[in-house]
N, C-alpha and C. Protein backbone atom coordinates (compact mmCIF):
# COMPACT_ATOMS: atom_id res chain seq x y z
N MET A 1 -6.24 -23.38 33.98
CA MET A 1 -6.79 -22.29 33.37
C MET A 1 -5.92 -21.12 32.96
N VAL A 2 -4.95 -20.82 33.92
CA VAL A 2 -4.12 -19.58 33.50
C VAL A 2 -3.03 -20.23 32.43
N THR A 3 -2.65 -21.28 32.56
CA THR A 3 -1.83 -22.07 31.59
C THR A 3 -2.30 -22.17 30.08
N THR A 4 -3.75 -22.31 30.05
CA THR A 4 -4.40 -22.48 28.82
C THR A 4 -4.34 -21.21 28.18
N LEU A 5 -4.68 -20.03 29.03
CA LEU A 5 -4.74 -18.74 28.53
C LEU A 5 -3.27 -18.33 27.94
N ILE A 6 -2.32 -18.59 28.77
CA ILE A 6 -1.10 -18.23 28.30
C ILE A 6 -0.58 -18.88 26.90
N THR A 7 -0.96 -20.00 26.85
CA THR A 7 -0.75 -21.07 25.79
C THR A 7 -1.55 -20.40 24.59
N VAL A 8 -2.71 -20.04 24.78
CA VAL A 8 -3.54 -19.44 23.65
C VAL A 8 -2.94 -18.31 23.22
N ALA A 9 -2.43 -17.33 24.13
CA ALA A 9 -1.89 -16.01 23.83
C ALA A 9 -0.63 -16.30 23.01
N VAL A 10 0.24 -17.01 23.48
CA VAL A 10 1.44 -17.45 22.66
C VAL A 10 1.16 -17.83 21.20
N ILE A 11 0.29 -18.68 21.05
CA ILE A 11 -0.09 -19.29 19.78
C ILE A 11 -0.59 -18.29 19.00
N ALA A 12 -1.48 -17.43 19.67
CA ALA A 12 -1.97 -16.23 18.81
C ALA A 12 -0.82 -15.19 18.39
N TRP A 13 -0.11 -14.97 19.20
CA TRP A 13 1.24 -14.15 18.88
C TRP A 13 2.08 -14.78 17.68
N LEU A 14 2.29 -15.97 17.94
CA LEU A 14 3.00 -16.60 16.91
C LEU A 14 2.52 -16.63 15.49
N CYS A 15 1.33 -16.80 15.52
CA CYS A 15 0.25 -16.77 14.26
C CYS A 15 0.56 -15.27 13.57
N GLN A 16 0.42 -14.27 14.46
CA GLN A 16 0.48 -12.96 14.14
C GLN A 16 1.78 -12.82 13.33
N LEU A 17 2.87 -13.15 13.98
CA LEU A 17 4.27 -13.02 13.64
C LEU A 17 4.39 -13.60 12.18
N VAL A 18 4.06 -14.93 12.14
CA VAL A 18 4.13 -15.68 10.78
C VAL A 18 3.22 -14.94 9.65
N LEU A 19 1.98 -14.58 9.99
CA LEU A 19 1.27 -13.97 8.85
C LEU A 19 1.80 -12.55 8.50
N GLY A 20 2.08 -12.05 9.59
CA GLY A 20 2.63 -10.59 9.27
C GLY A 20 3.88 -10.66 8.57
N GLY A 21 4.88 -11.54 8.70
CA GLY A 21 6.07 -11.65 7.95
C GLY A 21 5.57 -12.25 6.46
N TRP A 22 4.54 -12.94 6.16
CA TRP A 22 4.01 -13.54 4.98
C TRP A 22 3.58 -12.15 4.20
N GLN A 23 2.86 -11.28 4.88
CA GLN A 23 2.27 -10.17 4.31
C GLN A 23 3.47 -9.10 3.69
N ILE A 24 4.37 -9.07 4.78
CA ILE A 24 5.43 -8.20 4.29
C ILE A 24 6.25 -8.83 3.12
N HIS A 25 6.38 -10.15 3.03
CA HIS A 25 7.09 -10.77 2.03
C HIS A 25 6.42 -10.45 0.73
N ARG A 26 5.14 -10.59 0.60
CA ARG A 26 4.13 -10.34 -0.68
C ARG A 26 4.36 -8.90 -1.01
N PHE A 27 4.34 -8.00 -0.09
CA PHE A 27 4.37 -6.41 -0.49
C PHE A 27 5.79 -6.30 -1.00
N ASN A 28 6.76 -6.95 -0.35
CA ASN A 28 8.10 -6.54 -0.91
C ASN A 28 8.16 -7.11 -2.29
N ARG A 29 7.77 -8.13 -2.43
CA ARG A 29 7.83 -8.70 -3.86
C ARG A 29 7.14 -7.85 -4.81
N ALA A 30 5.97 -7.52 -4.60
CA ALA A 30 5.10 -6.57 -5.50
C ALA A 30 5.69 -5.24 -5.52
N PHE A 31 6.52 -4.72 -4.55
CA PHE A 31 7.28 -3.52 -4.56
C PHE A 31 8.46 -3.52 -5.39
N ASP A 32 9.18 -4.60 -5.17
CA ASP A 32 10.44 -4.75 -6.03
C ASP A 32 10.04 -4.97 -7.53
N ALA A 33 8.96 -5.51 -8.00
CA ALA A 33 8.44 -5.66 -9.21
C ALA A 33 8.28 -4.34 -9.81
N LEU A 34 7.53 -3.33 -8.92
CA LEU A 34 7.20 -1.94 -9.24
C LEU A 34 8.36 -1.31 -9.40
N CYS A 35 9.33 -1.38 -8.70
CA CYS A 35 10.65 -0.39 -8.73
C CYS A 35 11.32 -0.93 -10.16
N GLN A 36 11.27 -2.17 -10.68
CA GLN A 36 11.82 -2.24 -11.89
C GLN A 36 11.10 -1.71 -13.15
N ARG A 37 10.02 -1.18 -12.94
CA ARG A 37 9.07 -0.55 -14.03
C ARG A 37 9.60 0.98 -14.11
N GLY A 38 10.02 1.77 -13.21
CA GLY A 38 10.41 3.02 -13.35
C GLY A 38 10.59 3.64 -11.84
N ARG A 39 10.59 5.10 -11.82
CA ARG A 39 10.81 5.84 -10.53
C ARG A 39 9.57 5.62 -9.78
N VAL A 40 9.71 5.43 -8.44
CA VAL A 40 8.69 5.15 -7.68
C VAL A 40 8.35 6.03 -6.46
N GLY A 41 6.98 6.53 -6.33
CA GLY A 41 6.76 7.35 -5.11
C GLY A 41 5.76 6.50 -4.17
N VAL A 42 6.00 6.64 -3.02
CA VAL A 42 5.21 5.96 -2.01
C VAL A 42 4.50 6.81 -1.16
N GLY A 43 3.02 6.50 -0.71
CA GLY A 43 2.53 7.31 0.27
C GLY A 43 1.75 6.32 1.18
N ARG A 44 1.66 6.75 2.42
CA ARG A 44 0.77 5.92 3.35
C ARG A 44 -0.02 6.75 4.25
N SER A 45 -1.34 6.43 4.50
CA SER A 45 -2.39 7.04 5.34
C SER A 45 -2.97 6.00 6.11
N GLY A 46 -3.64 6.38 7.19
CA GLY A 46 -4.31 5.59 8.05
C GLY A 46 -3.72 5.89 9.61
N GLY A 47 -4.40 5.25 10.48
CA GLY A 47 -4.04 5.38 11.85
C GLY A 47 -3.96 4.07 12.49
N ARG A 48 -4.10 4.21 13.83
CA ARG A 48 -4.10 2.90 14.63
C ARG A 48 -5.21 2.05 14.49
N PHE A 49 -6.35 2.70 14.45
CA PHE A 49 -7.63 2.09 14.47
C PHE A 49 -8.35 2.30 13.01
N LYS A 50 -7.69 2.81 12.16
CA LYS A 50 -8.43 2.90 10.83
C LYS A 50 -7.59 2.01 9.88
N PRO A 51 -8.45 1.50 8.73
CA PRO A 51 -7.58 0.88 7.70
C PRO A 51 -6.42 1.49 7.21
N ARG A 52 -5.33 0.95 7.24
CA ARG A 52 -4.15 1.76 6.54
C ARG A 52 -4.14 1.51 5.10
N VAL A 53 -3.73 2.50 4.39
CA VAL A 53 -3.57 2.53 2.93
C VAL A 53 -2.15 2.93 2.46
N VAL A 54 -1.50 1.97 1.75
CA VAL A 54 -0.33 2.33 1.11
C VAL A 54 -0.51 2.25 -0.36
N ILE A 55 0.03 3.22 -1.06
CA ILE A 55 -0.10 3.43 -2.41
C ILE A 55 1.29 3.67 -3.00
N ALA A 56 1.56 2.94 -4.13
CA ALA A 56 2.99 3.27 -4.65
C ALA A 56 2.72 3.40 -6.10
N ILE A 57 3.19 4.30 -6.85
CA ILE A 57 3.25 4.56 -8.28
C ILE A 57 4.54 4.55 -8.83
N ALA A 58 4.59 3.85 -10.09
CA ALA A 58 5.83 3.99 -10.83
C ALA A 58 5.45 4.83 -12.13
N LEU A 59 6.65 5.75 -12.47
CA LEU A 59 6.46 6.56 -13.48
C LEU A 59 7.64 6.26 -14.49
N ASP A 60 7.29 6.28 -15.72
CA ASP A 60 8.26 6.04 -16.72
C ASP A 60 9.01 7.32 -17.16
N ASP A 61 9.78 7.12 -18.29
CA ASP A 61 10.73 8.36 -18.59
C ASP A 61 9.89 9.50 -19.03
N ASN A 62 8.68 9.40 -19.53
CA ASN A 62 7.79 10.36 -19.87
C ASN A 62 6.84 10.94 -18.84
N ASN A 63 7.11 10.58 -17.58
CA ASN A 63 6.18 10.93 -16.46
C ASN A 63 4.78 10.54 -16.49
N ARG A 64 4.54 9.20 -17.05
CA ARG A 64 3.29 8.64 -17.11
C ARG A 64 3.38 7.56 -16.16
N VAL A 65 2.25 7.06 -15.60
CA VAL A 65 2.13 6.05 -14.75
C VAL A 65 2.26 4.77 -15.45
N CYS A 66 3.31 3.95 -15.13
CA CYS A 66 3.32 2.72 -15.78
C CYS A 66 2.89 1.62 -15.14
N ASP A 67 2.84 1.63 -13.79
CA ASP A 67 2.35 0.50 -12.92
C ASP A 67 2.06 1.11 -11.53
N SER A 68 1.35 0.59 -10.72
CA SER A 68 0.91 1.08 -9.36
C SER A 68 0.51 -0.22 -8.65
N LEU A 69 0.46 0.00 -7.21
CA LEU A 69 -0.11 -0.83 -6.25
C LEU A 69 -0.66 -0.21 -5.13
N MET A 70 -1.69 -0.80 -4.55
CA MET A 70 -2.31 -0.19 -3.37
C MET A 70 -2.53 -1.50 -2.40
N MET A 71 -2.24 -1.35 -1.13
CA MET A 71 -2.65 -2.24 -0.08
C MET A 71 -3.25 -1.59 1.05
N ARG A 72 -4.51 -1.99 1.19
CA ARG A 72 -5.22 -1.36 2.38
C ARG A 72 -5.81 -2.46 3.36
N GLY A 73 -6.01 -2.21 4.56
CA GLY A 73 -6.75 -3.06 5.39
C GLY A 73 -6.03 -2.90 6.86
N LEU A 74 -6.81 -3.54 7.78
CA LEU A 74 -6.46 -3.57 9.16
C LEU A 74 -5.84 -4.89 9.55
N THR A 75 -5.88 -5.97 8.68
CA THR A 75 -5.39 -7.26 9.12
C THR A 75 -4.28 -7.76 8.21
N VAL A 76 -3.72 -8.73 8.69
CA VAL A 76 -2.59 -9.26 7.97
C VAL A 76 -2.86 -10.00 6.69
N PHE A 77 -4.09 -9.96 6.40
CA PHE A 77 -4.66 -10.61 5.01
C PHE A 77 -4.68 -9.51 4.08
N ALA A 78 -4.47 -8.27 4.21
CA ALA A 78 -4.44 -7.32 3.25
C ALA A 78 -3.49 -7.65 2.20
N ARG A 79 -3.80 -7.59 0.82
CA ARG A 79 -2.77 -7.74 -0.25
C ARG A 79 -2.68 -6.68 -1.07
N PRO A 80 -1.45 -6.61 -1.68
CA PRO A 80 -1.18 -5.55 -2.70
C PRO A 80 -2.06 -5.75 -3.87
N MET A 81 -2.63 -4.78 -4.41
CA MET A 81 -3.43 -4.90 -5.86
C MET A 81 -3.16 -3.72 -6.66
N LYS A 82 -3.17 -3.87 -7.87
CA LYS A 82 -2.83 -2.88 -8.95
C LYS A 82 -3.98 -1.86 -9.02
N ILE A 83 -3.76 -0.75 -9.41
CA ILE A 83 -4.76 0.37 -9.59
C ILE A 83 -4.62 0.54 -11.05
N ALA A 84 -5.63 -0.20 -11.69
CA ALA A 84 -5.64 -0.21 -13.20
C ALA A 84 -6.00 1.17 -13.88
N ALA A 85 -6.90 2.02 -13.03
CA ALA A 85 -7.34 3.25 -13.44
C ALA A 85 -6.18 4.26 -13.73
N LEU A 86 -5.14 4.11 -12.92
CA LEU A 86 -3.96 5.02 -12.97
C LEU A 86 -3.02 4.82 -14.28
N ASN A 87 -3.06 3.69 -14.77
CA ASN A 87 -2.02 3.30 -15.89
C ASN A 87 -2.16 4.15 -17.05
N GLY A 88 -0.89 4.72 -17.33
CA GLY A 88 -0.99 5.65 -18.62
C GLY A 88 -1.36 7.12 -18.44
N LEU A 89 -1.81 7.24 -17.33
CA LEU A 89 -2.21 8.76 -16.93
C LEU A 89 -0.76 9.57 -16.81
N PRO A 90 -0.80 10.72 -17.24
CA PRO A 90 0.21 11.66 -16.97
C PRO A 90 0.42 12.06 -15.55
N LEU A 91 1.67 12.37 -15.04
CA LEU A 91 1.70 12.86 -13.67
C LEU A 91 0.81 13.99 -13.32
N GLN A 92 0.84 14.99 -14.36
CA GLN A 92 0.08 16.27 -14.04
C GLN A 92 -1.42 16.10 -13.92
N GLU A 93 -2.11 14.88 -14.40
CA GLU A 93 -3.40 14.73 -14.29
C GLU A 93 -3.82 13.83 -13.17
N LEU A 94 -2.95 13.38 -12.37
CA LEU A 94 -3.18 12.67 -11.13
C LEU A 94 -3.78 13.56 -9.99
N GLU A 95 -5.05 13.58 -9.91
CA GLU A 95 -5.55 14.39 -8.88
C GLU A 95 -6.28 13.40 -7.96
N PRO A 96 -5.95 13.24 -6.63
CA PRO A 96 -6.43 12.31 -5.60
C PRO A 96 -7.92 12.56 -5.51
N GLY A 97 -8.38 13.77 -5.34
CA GLY A 97 -9.85 14.00 -5.26
C GLY A 97 -10.66 13.36 -6.17
N VAL A 98 -10.21 13.50 -7.49
CA VAL A 98 -10.89 12.95 -8.70
C VAL A 98 -10.82 11.36 -8.81
N ILE A 99 -9.66 10.81 -8.49
CA ILE A 99 -9.35 9.48 -8.58
C ILE A 99 -10.04 8.66 -7.62
N PHE A 100 -10.01 9.36 -6.35
CA PHE A 100 -10.75 8.68 -5.25
C PHE A 100 -11.59 9.58 -4.49
N PRO A 101 -12.72 9.96 -5.14
CA PRO A 101 -13.69 10.89 -4.74
C PRO A 101 -14.33 10.76 -3.36
N HIS A 102 -14.38 9.46 -2.77
CA HIS A 102 -15.25 9.21 -1.46
C HIS A 102 -14.36 8.47 -0.60
N ASP A 103 -12.98 8.62 -0.96
CA ASP A 103 -12.10 7.76 -0.01
C ASP A 103 -10.79 8.67 0.40
N SER A 104 -11.03 9.22 1.50
CA SER A 104 -9.94 10.19 2.01
C SER A 104 -8.69 9.60 2.47
N LEU A 105 -8.68 8.34 2.75
CA LEU A 105 -7.43 7.63 3.05
C LEU A 105 -6.58 7.48 1.97
N CYS A 106 -7.41 6.95 0.80
CA CYS A 106 -6.59 6.79 -0.59
C CYS A 106 -6.21 8.13 -1.04
N GLN A 107 -6.91 9.18 -1.06
CA GLN A 107 -6.47 10.51 -1.32
C GLN A 107 -5.25 10.88 -0.69
N ASN A 108 -5.27 10.70 0.52
CA ASN A 108 -4.10 11.13 1.40
C ASN A 108 -2.81 10.42 0.96
N ALA A 109 -2.97 9.02 0.74
CA ALA A 109 -1.90 8.14 0.39
C ALA A 109 -1.34 8.52 -0.95
N LEU A 110 -2.27 8.63 -2.00
CA LEU A 110 -1.79 9.08 -3.32
C LEU A 110 -1.19 10.54 -3.20
N SER A 111 -1.80 11.50 -2.46
CA SER A 111 -1.14 12.70 -2.38
C SER A 111 0.43 12.61 -1.86
N LEU A 112 0.58 11.88 -0.92
CA LEU A 112 1.99 11.59 -0.35
C LEU A 112 2.90 10.89 -1.41
N ALA A 113 2.19 10.01 -2.17
CA ALA A 113 3.14 9.29 -3.18
C ALA A 113 3.52 10.49 -4.31
N LEU A 114 2.63 11.43 -4.51
CA LEU A 114 2.69 12.36 -5.62
C LEU A 114 3.85 13.21 -4.98
N LYS A 115 3.82 13.72 -3.78
CA LYS A 115 4.75 14.64 -3.45
C LYS A 115 6.27 14.12 -3.51
N LEU A 116 6.29 12.80 -3.26
CA LEU A 116 7.64 12.13 -3.46
C LEU A 116 8.28 12.31 -4.83
N LYS A 117 7.27 12.28 -5.75
CA LYS A 117 7.73 12.28 -7.38
C LYS A 117 7.93 13.73 -7.64
N HIS A 118 7.49 14.75 -6.96
CA HIS A 118 7.96 16.17 -7.38
C HIS A 118 9.27 16.50 -6.75
N GLY A 119 9.54 15.80 -5.78
CA GLY A 119 10.80 16.30 -4.99
C GLY A 119 12.03 15.86 -5.56
């Protein structure tokens, strides 16, 4: 019985490692593509038991959003997705409370990404 539990725990741990590596690989590919588009700001919010949110925005030479990505979730199955609503917006018009009115985690992540762009 103990051997079975240990075996199941080891298999679950190995699955977590493999799937976590797969998630990181997908995020890195999406982030590399974003970095090719312009200057990039990244923000992350969330906690240990809340869904984490990562938002990255790329700005062109005119300080307009030319691309973006968001990844949110608690599991290794979270995928990076585009935020189409941000494309073409000038940096000055990016207001996290207006863009994500009911999502404080996304507001926080976008605020952090914008702080990096102002610096």
